[in-house]
PDB file of all heavy atoms in Angstrom:
ATOM      1  N   PHE A   1     -11.612   1.244 -17.291  1.00  0.00           N
ATOM      2  CA  PHE A   1     -10.501   1.340 -16.343  1.00  0.00           C
ATOM      3  C   PHE A   1      -9.345   2.219 -16.834  1.00  0.00           C
ATOM      4  O   PHE A   1      -8.222   2.115 -16.365  1.00  0.00           O
ATOM      5  CB  PHE A   1      -9.999  -0.059 -15.969  1.00  0.00           C
ATOM      6  CG  PHE A   1      -9.269  -0.114 -14.649  1.00  0.00           C
ATOM      7  CD1 PHE A   1      -9.871   0.297 -13.485  1.00  0.00           C
ATOM      8  CD2 PHE A   1      -7.976  -0.588 -14.583  1.00  0.00           C
ATOM      9  CE1 PHE A   1      -9.209   0.245 -12.271  1.00  0.00           C
ATOM     10  CE2 PHE A   1      -7.289  -0.638 -13.379  1.00  0.00           C
ATOM     11  CZ  PHE A   1      -7.916  -0.228 -12.214  1.00  0.00           C
ATOM     12  N   SER A   2      -9.584   3.117 -17.772  1.00  0.00           N
ATOM     13  CA  SER A   2      -8.528   4.000 -18.261  1.00  0.00           C
ATOM     14  C   SER A   2      -7.977   4.893 -17.153  1.00  0.00           C
ATOM     15  O   SER A   2      -6.769   5.027 -17.002  1.00  0.00           O
ATOM     16  CB  SER A   2      -9.042   4.881 -19.404  1.00  0.00           C
ATOM     17  OG  SER A   2      -9.461   4.106 -20.477  1.00  0.00           O
ATOM     18  N   VAL A   3      -8.867   5.504 -16.394  1.00  0.00           N
ATOM     19  CA  VAL A   3      -8.424   6.392 -15.318  1.00  0.00           C
ATOM     20  C   VAL A   3      -7.777   5.583 -14.195  1.00  0.00           C
ATOM     21  O   VAL A   3      -6.677   5.904 -13.739  1.00  0.00           O
ATOM     22  CB  VAL A   3      -9.597   7.249 -14.782  1.00  0.00           C
ATOM     23  CG1 VAL A   3      -9.167   8.055 -13.557  1.00  0.00           C
ATOM     24  CG2 VAL A   3     -10.107   8.181 -15.875  1.00  0.00           C
ATOM     25  N   GLY A   4      -8.427   4.515 -13.770  1.00  0.00           N
ATOM     26  CA  GLY A   4      -7.890   3.689 -12.690  1.00  0.00           C
ATOM     27  C   GLY A   4      -6.521   3.129 -13.011  1.00  0.00           C
ATOM     28  O   GLY A   4      -5.616   3.144 -12.175  1.00  0.00           O
ATOM     29  N   SER A   5      -6.326   2.641 -14.236  1.00  0.00           N
ATOM     30  CA  SER A   5      -5.021   2.070 -14.592  1.00  0.00           C
ATOM     31  C   SER A   5      -3.943   3.145 -14.642  1.00  0.00           C
ATOM     32  O   SER A   5      -2.787   2.885 -14.309  1.00  0.00           O
ATOM     33  CB  SER A   5      -5.095   1.320 -15.925  1.00  0.00           C
ATOM     34  OG  SER A   5      -5.309   2.206 -17.006  1.00  0.00           O
ATOM     35  N   THR A   6      -4.303   4.347 -15.024  1.00  0.00           N
ATOM     36  CA  THR A   6      -3.329   5.448 -15.048  1.00  0.00           C
ATOM     37  C   THR A   6      -2.842   5.744 -13.628  1.00  0.00           C
ATOM     38  O   THR A   6      -1.645   5.892 -13.391  1.00  0.00           O
ATOM     39  CB  THR A   6      -3.950   6.704 -15.686  1.00  0.00           C
ATOM     40  OG1 THR A   6      -4.330   6.386 -17.030  1.00  0.00           O
ATOM     41  CG2 THR A   6      -2.971   7.861 -15.694  1.00  0.00           C
ATOM     42  N   PHE A   7      -3.756   5.807 -12.683  1.00  0.00           N
ATOM     43  CA  PHE A   7      -3.374   6.046 -11.296  1.00  0.00           C
ATOM     44  C   PHE A   7      -2.584   4.861 -10.739  1.00  0.00           C
ATOM     45  O   PHE A   7      -1.546   5.041 -10.096  1.00  0.00           O
ATOM     46  CB  PHE A   7      -4.609   6.320 -10.430  1.00  0.00           C
ATOM     47  CG  PHE A   7      -5.094   7.736 -10.508  1.00  0.00           C
ATOM     48  CD1 PHE A   7      -5.834   8.180 -11.594  1.00  0.00           C
ATOM     49  CD2 PHE A   7      -4.789   8.634  -9.504  1.00  0.00           C
ATOM     50  CE1 PHE A   7      -6.265   9.492 -11.681  1.00  0.00           C
ATOM     51  CE2 PHE A   7      -5.212   9.960  -9.567  1.00  0.00           C
ATOM     52  CZ  PHE A   7      -5.955  10.385 -10.674  1.00  0.00           C
ATOM     53  N   PHE A   8      -3.071   3.643 -10.994  1.00  0.00           N
ATOM     54  CA  PHE A   8      -2.412   2.442 -10.477  1.00  0.00           C
ATOM     55  C   PHE A   8      -0.965   2.360 -10.970  1.00  0.00           C
ATOM     56  O   PHE A   8      -0.051   2.067 -10.195  1.00  0.00           O
ATOM     57  CB  PHE A   8      -3.207   1.203 -10.898  1.00  0.00           C
ATOM     58  CG  PHE A   8      -2.621  -0.080 -10.383  1.00  0.00           C
ATOM     59  CD1 PHE A   8      -2.786  -0.435  -9.062  1.00  0.00           C
ATOM     60  CD2 PHE A   8      -1.913  -0.920 -11.224  1.00  0.00           C
ATOM     61  CE1 PHE A   8      -2.240  -1.622  -8.570  1.00  0.00           C
ATOM     62  CE2 PHE A   8      -1.370  -2.103 -10.756  1.00  0.00           C
ATOM     63  CZ  PHE A   8      -1.531  -2.452  -9.425  1.00  0.00           C
ATOM     64  N   ARG A   9      -0.746   2.609 -12.240  1.00  0.00           N
ATOM     65  CA  ARG A   9       0.598   2.510 -12.813  1.00  0.00           C
ATOM     66  C   ARG A   9       1.512   3.643 -12.348  1.00  0.00           C
ATOM     67  O   ARG A   9       2.710   3.617 -12.587  1.00  0.00           O
ATOM     68  CB  ARG A   9       0.504   2.481 -14.331  1.00  0.00           C
ATOM     69  CG  ARG A   9      -0.126   1.173 -14.814  1.00  0.00           C
ATOM     70  CD  ARG A   9      -0.457   1.127 -16.284  1.00  0.00           C
ATOM     71  NE  ARG A   9       0.629   1.549 -17.109  1.00  0.00           N
ATOM     72  CZ  ARG A   9       0.515   2.428 -18.110  1.00  0.00           C
ATOM     73  NH1 ARG A   9      -0.654   2.948 -18.388  1.00  0.00           N
ATOM     74  NH2 ARG A   9       1.553   2.772 -18.823  1.00  0.00           N
ATOM     75  N   ASN A  10       0.950   4.613 -11.651  1.00  0.00           N
ATOM     76  CA  ASN A  10       1.754   5.704 -11.102  1.00  0.00           C
ATOM     77  C   ASN A  10       1.802   5.661  -9.579  1.00  0.00           C
ATOM     78  O   ASN A  10       2.014   6.671  -8.918  1.00  0.00           O
ATOM     79  CB  ASN A  10       1.222   7.044 -11.602  1.00  0.00           C
ATOM     80  CG  ASN A  10       1.661   7.309 -13.020  1.00  0.00           C
ATOM     81  OD1 ASN A  10       2.796   7.707 -13.255  1.00  0.00           O
ATOM     82  ND2 ASN A  10       0.783   7.046 -13.981  1.00  0.00           N
ATOM     83  N   GLY A  11       1.602   4.451  -9.013  1.00  0.00           N
ATOM     84  CA  GLY A  11       1.832   4.252  -7.591  1.00  0.00           C
ATOM     85  C   GLY A  11       0.657   4.462  -6.670  1.00  0.00           C
ATOM     86  O   GLY A  11       0.806   4.368  -5.444  1.00  0.00           O
ATOM     87  N   TRP A  12      -0.495   4.734  -7.207  1.00  0.00           N
ATOM     88  CA  TRP A  12      -1.677   4.928  -6.369  1.00  0.00           C
ATOM     89  C   TRP A  12      -2.357   3.595  -6.099  1.00  0.00           C
ATOM     90  O   TRP A  12      -2.290   2.674  -6.909  1.00  0.00           O
ATOM     91  CB  TRP A  12      -2.678   5.854  -7.067  1.00  0.00           C
ATOM     92  CG  TRP A  12      -2.288   7.299  -7.070  1.00  0.00           C
ATOM     93  CD1 TRP A  12      -1.156   7.843  -7.617  1.00  0.00           C
ATOM     94  CD2 TRP A  12      -3.026   8.369  -6.528  1.00  0.00           C
ATOM     95  NE1 TRP A  12      -1.163   9.197  -7.436  1.00  0.00           N
ATOM     96  CE2 TRP A  12      -2.304   9.553  -6.775  1.00  0.00           C
ATOM     97  CE3 TRP A  12      -4.236   8.460  -5.860  1.00  0.00           C
ATOM     98  CZ2 TRP A  12      -2.753  10.805  -6.368  1.00  0.00           C
ATOM     99  CZ3 TRP A  12      -4.680   9.705  -5.464  1.00  0.00           C
ATOM    100  CH2 TRP A  12      -3.932  10.861  -5.710  1.00  0.00           C
ATOM    101  N   GLN A  13      -3.050   3.513  -4.978  1.00  0.00           N
ATOM    102  CA  GLN A  13      -3.926   2.380  -4.712  1.00  0.00           C
ATOM    103  C   GLN A  13      -5.263   2.710  -5.369  1.00  0.00           C
ATOM    104  O   GLN A  13      -5.724   3.860  -5.331  1.00  0.00           O
ATOM    105  CB  GLN A  13      -4.102   2.190  -3.211  1.00  0.00           C
ATOM    106  CG  GLN A  13      -4.885   0.970  -2.837  1.00  0.00           C
ATOM    107  CD  GLN A  13      -4.987   0.804  -1.321  1.00  0.00           C
ATOM    108  OE1 GLN A  13      -4.597   1.666  -0.547  1.00  0.00           O
ATOM    109  NE2 GLN A  13      -5.541  -0.318  -0.908  1.00  0.00           N
ATOM    110  N   VAL A  14      -5.885   1.719  -6.005  1.00  0.00           N
ATOM    111  CA  VAL A  14      -7.146   1.968  -6.708  1.00  0.00           C
ATOM    112  C   VAL A  14      -8.202   0.979  -6.227  1.00  0.00           C
ATOM    113  O   VAL A  14      -7.962  -0.224  -6.174  1.00  0.00           O
ATOM    114  CB  VAL A  14      -6.965   1.836  -8.242  1.00  0.00           C
ATOM    115  CG1 VAL A  14      -8.292   2.013  -8.957  1.00  0.00           C
ATOM    116  CG2 VAL A  14      -5.935   2.841  -8.749  1.00  0.00           C
ATOM    117  N   ILE A  15      -9.354   1.516  -5.882  1.00  0.00           N
ATOM    118  CA  ILE A  15     -10.521   0.708  -5.549  1.00  0.00           C
ATOM    119  C   ILE A  15     -11.540   0.997  -6.645  1.00  0.00           C
ATOM    120  O   ILE A  15     -11.954   2.140  -6.823  1.00  0.00           O
ATOM    121  CB  ILE A  15     -11.081   1.077  -4.166  1.00  0.00           C
ATOM    122  CG1 ILE A  15     -10.027   0.837  -3.084  1.00  0.00           C
ATOM    123  CG2 ILE A  15     -12.368   0.301  -3.879  1.00  0.00           C
ATOM    124  CD1 ILE A  15     -10.398   1.387  -1.731  1.00  0.00           C
ATOM    125  N   ALA A  16     -11.903  -0.049  -7.407  1.00  0.00           N
ATOM    126  CA  ALA A  16     -12.761   0.172  -8.570  1.00  0.00           C
ATOM    127  C   ALA A  16     -13.955  -0.767  -8.559  1.00  0.00           C
ATOM    128  O   ALA A  16     -13.894  -1.875  -8.039  1.00  0.00           O
ATOM    129  CB  ALA A  16     -11.954  -0.034  -9.846  1.00  0.00           C
ATOM    130  N   ASN A  17     -15.017  -0.314  -9.183  1.00  0.00           N
ATOM    131  CA  ASN A  17     -16.233  -1.092  -9.323  1.00  0.00           C
ATOM    132  C   ASN A  17     -16.941  -0.592 -10.570  1.00  0.00           C
ATOM    133  O   ASN A  17     -16.622   0.457 -11.109  1.00  0.00           O
ATOM    134  CB  ASN A  17     -17.130  -0.919  -8.091  1.00  0.00           C
ATOM    135  CG  ASN A  17     -18.283  -1.898  -8.083  1.00  0.00           C
ATOM    136  OD1 ASN A  17     -18.150  -3.024  -8.537  1.00  0.00           O
ATOM    137  ND2 ASN A  17     -19.427  -1.460  -7.574  1.00  0.00           N
ATOM    138  N   ASP A  18     -17.904  -1.362 -11.037  1.00  0.00           N
ATOM    139  CA  ASP A  18     -18.728  -0.903 -12.148  1.00  0.00           C
ATOM    140  C   ASP A  18     -20.057  -1.631 -12.109  1.00  0.00           C
ATOM    141  O   ASP A  18     -20.135  -2.781 -11.656  1.00  0.00           O
ATOM    142  CB  ASP A  18     -18.044  -1.139 -13.497  1.00  0.00           C
ATOM    143  CG  ASP A  18     -18.666  -0.282 -14.591  1.00  0.00           C
ATOM    144  OD1 ASP A  18     -18.218   0.865 -14.738  1.00  0.00           O
ATOM    145  OD2 ASP A  18     -19.610  -0.735 -15.255  1.00  0.00           O
ATOM    146  N   TYR A  19     -21.087  -0.983 -12.575  1.00  0.00           N
ATOM    147  CA  TYR A  19     -22.421  -1.573 -12.626  1.00  0.00           C
ATOM    148  C   TYR A  19     -22.464  -2.742 -13.604  1.00  0.00           C
ATOM    149  O   TYR A  19     -23.153  -3.718 -13.380  1.00  0.00           O
ATOM    150  CB  TYR A  19     -23.433  -0.497 -13.032  1.00  0.00           C
ATOM    151  CG  TYR A  19     -24.846  -1.008 -13.153  1.00  0.00           C
ATOM    152  CD1 TYR A  19     -25.611  -1.251 -12.012  1.00  0.00           C
ATOM    153  CD2 TYR A  19     -25.412  -1.256 -14.396  1.00  0.00           C
ATOM    154  CE1 TYR A  19     -26.902  -1.734 -12.113  1.00  0.00           C
ATOM    155  CE2 TYR A  19     -26.706  -1.739 -14.501  1.00  0.00           C
ATOM    156  CZ  TYR A  19     -27.450  -1.973 -13.362  1.00  0.00           C
ATOM    157  OH  TYR A  19     -28.717  -2.448 -13.462  1.00  0.00           O
ATOM    158  N   ASN A  20     -21.694  -2.633 -14.692  1.00  0.00           N
ATOM    159  CA  ASN A  20     -21.661  -3.682 -15.714  1.00  0.00           C
ATOM    160  C   ASN A  20     -20.802  -4.838 -15.202  1.00  0.00           C
ATOM    161  O   ASN A  20     -19.589  -4.769 -15.191  1.00  0.00           O
ATOM    162  CB  ASN A  20     -21.107  -3.128 -17.017  1.00  0.00           C
ATOM    163  CG  ASN A  20     -21.135  -4.137 -18.146  1.00  0.00           C
ATOM    164  OD1 ASN A  20     -20.970  -5.329 -17.937  1.00  0.00           O
ATOM    165  ND2 ASN A  20     -21.318  -3.628 -19.351  1.00  0.00           N
ATOM    166  N   ARG A  21     -21.446  -5.917 -14.801  1.00  0.00           N
ATOM    167  CA  ARG A  21     -20.716  -7.036 -14.191  1.00  0.00           C
ATOM    168  C   ARG A  21     -19.760  -7.700 -15.163  1.00  0.00           C
ATOM    169  O   ARG A  21     -18.753  -8.267 -14.769  1.00  0.00           O
ATOM    170  CB  ARG A  21     -21.673  -8.041 -13.581  1.00  0.00           C
ATOM    171  CG  ARG A  21     -22.494  -8.815 -14.592  1.00  0.00           C
ATOM    172  CD  ARG A  21     -23.497  -9.723 -13.889  1.00  0.00           C
ATOM    173  NE  ARG A  21     -24.377 -10.346 -14.848  1.00  0.00           N
ATOM    174  CZ  ARG A  21     -24.540 -11.653 -14.952  1.00  0.00           C
ATOM    175  NH1 ARG A  21     -23.909 -12.458 -14.131  1.00  0.00           N
ATOM    176  NH2 ARG A  21     -25.356 -12.143 -15.842  1.00  0.00           N
ATOM    177  N   TYR A  22     -20.046  -7.651 -16.456  1.00  0.00           N
ATOM    178  CA  TYR A  22     -19.179  -8.290 -17.443  1.00  0.00           C
ATOM    179  C   TYR A  22     -17.881  -7.499 -17.622  1.00  0.00           C
ATOM    180  O   TYR A  22     -16.802  -8.073 -17.692  1.00  0.00           O
ATOM    181  CB  TYR A  22     -19.912  -8.463 -18.773  1.00  0.00           C
ATOM    182  CG  TYR A  22     -21.166  -9.293 -18.635  1.00  0.00           C
ATOM    183  CD1 TYR A  22     -22.420  -8.732 -18.811  1.00  0.00           C
ATOM    184  CD2 TYR A  22     -21.088 -10.642 -18.295  1.00  0.00           C
ATOM    185  CE1 TYR A  22     -23.568  -9.495 -18.667  1.00  0.00           C
ATOM    186  CE2 TYR A  22     -22.231 -11.415 -18.145  1.00  0.00           C
ATOM    187  CZ  TYR A  22     -23.464 -10.834 -18.342  1.00  0.00           C
ATOM    188  OH  TYR A  22     -24.591 -11.597 -18.188  1.00  0.00           O
ATOM    189  N   THR A  23     -18.002  -6.190 -17.686  1.00  0.00           N
ATOM    190  CA  THR A  23     -16.803  -5.360 -17.780  1.00  0.00           C
ATOM    191  C   THR A  23     -15.950  -5.526 -16.533  1.00  0.00           C
ATOM    192  O   THR A  23     -14.741  -5.689 -16.607  1.00  0.00           O
ATOM    193  CB  THR A  23     -17.187  -3.871 -17.954  1.00  0.00           C
ATOM    194  OG1 THR A  23     -17.939  -3.741 -19.150  1.00  0.00           O
ATOM    195  CG2 THR A  23     -15.959  -2.991 -18.025  1.00  0.00           C
ATOM    196  N   TYR A  24     -16.594  -5.522 -15.377  1.00  0.00           N
ATOM    197  CA  TYR A  24     -15.875  -5.704 -14.121  1.00  0.00           C
ATOM    198  C   TYR A  24     -15.155  -7.053 -14.099  1.00  0.00           C
ATOM    199  O   TYR A  24     -13.984  -7.145 -13.735  1.00  0.00           O
ATOM    200  CB  TYR A  24     -16.834  -5.577 -12.935  1.00  0.00           C
ATOM    201  CG  TYR A  24     -16.164  -5.812 -11.613  1.00  0.00           C
ATOM    202  CD1 TYR A  24     -15.434  -4.798 -11.008  1.00  0.00           C
ATOM    203  CD2 TYR A  24     -16.222  -7.054 -10.993  1.00  0.00           C
ATOM    204  CE1 TYR A  24     -14.787  -5.014  -9.803  1.00  0.00           C
ATOM    205  CE2 TYR A  24     -15.582  -7.276  -9.789  1.00  0.00           C
ATOM    206  CZ  TYR A  24     -14.866  -6.262  -9.203  1.00  0.00           C
ATOM    207  OH  TYR A  24     -14.216  -6.471  -8.019  1.00  0.00           O
ATOM    208  N   ALA A  25     -15.854  -8.120 -14.510  1.00  0.00           N
ATOM    209  CA  ALA A  25     -15.242  -9.462 -14.514  1.00  0.00           C
ATOM    210  C   ALA A  25     -14.057  -9.530 -15.476  1.00  0.00           C
ATOM    211  O   ALA A  25     -13.026 -10.130 -15.160  1.00  0.00           O
ATOM    212  CB  ALA A  25     -16.284 -10.514 -14.888  1.00  0.00           C
ATOM    213  N   LEU A  26     -14.180  -8.906 -16.641  1.00  0.00           N
ATOM    214  CA  LEU A  26     -13.084  -8.889 -17.607  1.00  0.00           C
ATOM    215  C   LEU A  26     -11.871  -8.157 -17.045  1.00  0.00           C
ATOM    216  O   LEU A  26     -10.743  -8.642 -17.123  1.00  0.00           O
ATOM    217  CB  LEU A  26     -13.542  -8.231 -18.911  1.00  0.00           C
ATOM    218  CG  LEU A  26     -12.461  -8.022 -19.966  1.00  0.00           C
ATOM    219  CD1 LEU A  26     -11.920  -9.357 -20.457  1.00  0.00           C
ATOM    220  CD2 LEU A  26     -13.015  -7.200 -21.124  1.00  0.00           C
TER     221      LEU A  26
END
């Protein structure tokens, strides 16, 4: 989530997903 958090913290809306269910849950 490095890219997503960078956008989110700069006012963007972020829709994220990942194949790895454990990373996503964390």
